[in-house]
Amino acid sequence: MPRYVLPNDPALSAASVTPNDLADLPNYSRMLYVGVGGSGKHVRVTTLNGHDVVFKNVPTGMLTVQAVKVWANGTTATEILALW
């Protein structure tokens, strides 16, 4: 039976993210988990709508952004997981 995901449902899957300037994520994220964030830790993404943005000084924890790419150039936070 297929599982329908509603906007407020928790993620069904997760995978480790290696920031990459050349490749998109295998699945776009519903959100990202940043394992090591804080002052001076940034996450650069391309959003589902195609916007290239940098989240600066991202704290450790959930970053609620639907992303298709996490860039190596501009990302200093580490231990990132994509949840979808």
C-alpha atoms as a PDB file:
ATOM      1  CA  MET A   1       0.000   0.000   0.000  1.00  0.00           C
ATOM      2  CA  PRO A   2       1.515   3.395  -0.954  1.00  0.00           C
ATOM      3  CA  ARG A   3       2.303   5.850   1.802  1.00  0.00           C
ATOM      4  CA  TYR A   4       1.097   9.392   1.196  1.00  0.00           C
ATOM      5  CA  VAL A   5       3.244  12.020   2.858  1.00  0.00           C
ATOM      6  CA  LEU A   6       1.525  15.136   4.127  1.00  0.00           C
ATOM      7  CA  PRO A   7       3.414  18.415   4.726  1.00  0.00           C
ATOM      8  CA  ASN A   8       3.573  17.979   8.510  1.00  0.00           C
ATOM      9  CA  ASP A   9       4.402  14.264   8.497  1.00  0.00           C
ATOM     10  CA  PRO A  10       7.829  13.226   9.760  1.00  0.00           C
ATOM     11  CA  ALA A  11      10.441  12.125   7.267  1.00  0.00           C
ATOM     12  CA  LEU A  12      10.331   8.510   6.106  1.00  0.00           C
ATOM     13  CA  SER A  13      13.977   8.202   5.031  1.00  0.00           C
ATOM     14  CA  ALA A  14      17.372   9.760   5.719  1.00  0.00           C
ATOM     15  CA  ALA A  15      20.848   9.614   4.213  1.00  0.00           C
ATOM     16  CA  SER A  16      24.215  11.165   4.868  1.00  0.00           C
ATOM     17  CA  VAL A  17      25.055  14.161   2.662  1.00  0.00           C
ATOM     18  CA  THR A  18      28.446  14.777   1.138  1.00  0.00           C
ATOM     19  CA  PRO A  19      28.347  18.363  -0.125  1.00  0.00           C
ATOM     20  CA  ASN A  20      29.007  18.324  -3.875  1.00  0.00           C
ATOM     21  CA  ASP A  21      29.121  21.168  -6.397  1.00  0.00           C
ATOM     22  CA  LEU A  22      28.554  18.853  -9.368  1.00  0.00           C
ATOM     23  CA  ALA A  23      25.725  16.553  -8.309  1.00  0.00           C
ATOM     24  CA  ASP A  24      22.240  16.977  -6.911  1.00  0.00           C
ATOM     25  CA  LEU A  25      20.978  14.975  -3.948  1.00  0.00           C
ATOM     26  CA  PRO A  26      19.525  11.594  -4.980  1.00  0.00           C
ATOM     27  CA  ASN A  27      16.202  12.700  -3.421  1.00  0.00           C
ATOM     28  CA  TYR A  28      15.263  16.270  -2.650  1.00  0.00           C
ATOM     29  CA  SER A  29      15.153  16.872   1.071  1.00  0.00           C
ATOM     30  CA  ARG A  30      12.158  17.778   3.187  1.00  0.00           C
ATOM     31  CA  MET A  31      14.712  19.107   5.666  1.00  0.00           C
ATOM     32  CA  LEU A  32      18.370  18.784   6.581  1.00  0.00           C
ATOM     33  CA  TYR A  33      19.843  17.781   9.909  1.00  0.00           C
ATOM     34  CA  VAL A  34      23.102  19.574  10.711  1.00  0.00           C
ATOM     35  CA  GLY A  35      25.171  17.507  13.137  1.00  0.00           C
ATOM     36  CA  VAL A  36      27.950  20.060  13.639  1.00  0.00           C
ATOM     37  CA  GLY A  37      26.800  23.648  13.329  1.00  0.00           C
ATOM     38  CA  GLY A  38      27.287  26.908  15.198  1.00  0.00           C
ATOM     39  CA  SER A  39      29.091  30.188  14.757  1.00  0.00           C
ATOM     40  CA  GLY A  40      30.932  30.261  11.441  1.00  0.00           C
ATOM     41  CA  LYS A  41      29.123  27.155  10.178  1.00  0.00           C
ATOM     42  CA  HIS A  42      27.209  27.730   6.951  1.00  0.00           C
ATOM     43  CA  VAL A  43      25.117  25.561   4.632  1.00  0.00           C
ATOM     44  CA  ARG A  44      24.761  26.502   0.951  1.00  0.00           C
ATOM     45  CA  VAL A  45      21.893  24.837  -0.884  1.00  0.00           C
ATOM     46  CA  THR A  46      19.868  25.003  -4.053  1.00  0.00           C
ATOM     47  CA  THR A  47      16.211  24.948  -3.036  1.00  0.00           C
ATOM     48  CA  LEU A  48      13.507  22.917  -4.710  1.00  0.00           C
ATOM     49  CA  ASN A  49      12.456  26.112  -6.541  1.00  0.00           C
ATOM     50  CA  GLY A  50      15.987  26.655  -7.858  1.00  0.00           C
ATOM     51  CA  HIS A  51      17.249  29.373  -5.504  1.00  0.00           C
ATOM     52  CA  ASP A  52      20.917  29.309  -4.451  1.00  0.00           C
ATOM     53  CA  VAL A  53      21.057  30.414  -0.800  1.00  0.00           C
ATOM     54  CA  VAL A  54      23.529  30.311   2.072  1.00  0.00           C
ATOM     55  CA  PHE A  55      22.256  29.764   5.610  1.00  0.00           C
ATOM     56  CA  LYS A  56      24.858  31.412   7.842  1.00  0.00           C
ATOM     57  CA  ASN A  57      25.770  30.455  11.412  1.00  0.00           C
ATOM     58  CA  VAL A  58      23.450  27.440  11.280  1.00  0.00           C
ATOM     59  CA  PRO A  59      22.972  25.864  14.703  1.00  0.00           C
ATOM     60  CA  THR A  60      23.211  22.123  15.225  1.00  0.00           C
ATOM     61  CA  GLY A  61      19.785  20.643  14.532  1.00  0.00           C
ATOM     62  CA  MET A  62      17.070  20.757  11.896  1.00  0.00           C
ATOM     63  CA  LEU A  63      17.269  23.103   8.938  1.00  0.00           C
ATOM     64  CA  THR A  64      13.801  23.093   7.401  1.00  0.00           C
ATOM     65  CA  VAL A  65      14.559  23.606   3.730  1.00  0.00           C
ATOM     66  CA  GLN A  66      13.585  21.554   0.698  1.00  0.00           C
ATOM     67  CA  ALA A  67      16.922  21.243  -1.061  1.00  0.00           C
ATOM     68  CA  VAL A  68      18.006  19.570  -4.276  1.00  0.00           C
ATOM     69  CA  LYS A  69      21.723  20.276  -3.758  1.00  0.00           C
ATOM     70  CA  VAL A  70      24.106  20.916  -0.857  1.00  0.00           C
ATOM     71  CA  TRP A  71      27.144  22.747  -2.216  1.00  0.00           C
ATOM     72  CA  ALA A  72      30.723  21.997  -1.138  1.00  0.00           C
ATOM     73  CA  ASN A  73      31.704  25.583  -2.017  1.00  0.00           C
ATOM     74  CA  GLY A  74      30.039  27.589   0.757  1.00  0.00           C
ATOM     75  CA  THR A  75      29.180  24.786   3.198  1.00  0.00           C
ATOM     76  CA  THR A  76      31.271  24.650   6.369  1.00  0.00           C
ATOM     77  CA  ALA A  77      28.824  22.771   8.618  1.00  0.00           C
ATOM     78  CA  THR A  78      29.413  19.017   8.810  1.00  0.00           C
ATOM     79  CA  GLU A  79      27.657  15.749   9.628  1.00  0.00           C
ATOM     80  CA  ILE A  80      24.674  16.696   7.452  1.00  0.00           C
ATOM     81  CA  LEU A  81      21.761  14.325   6.843  1.00  0.00           C
ATOM     82  CA  ALA A  82      19.035  14.761   4.239  1.00  0.00           C
ATOM     83  CA  LEU A  83      15.570  13.681   5.354  1.00  0.00           C
ATOM     84  CA  TRP A  84      12.735  12.997   2.935  1.00  0.00           C
END
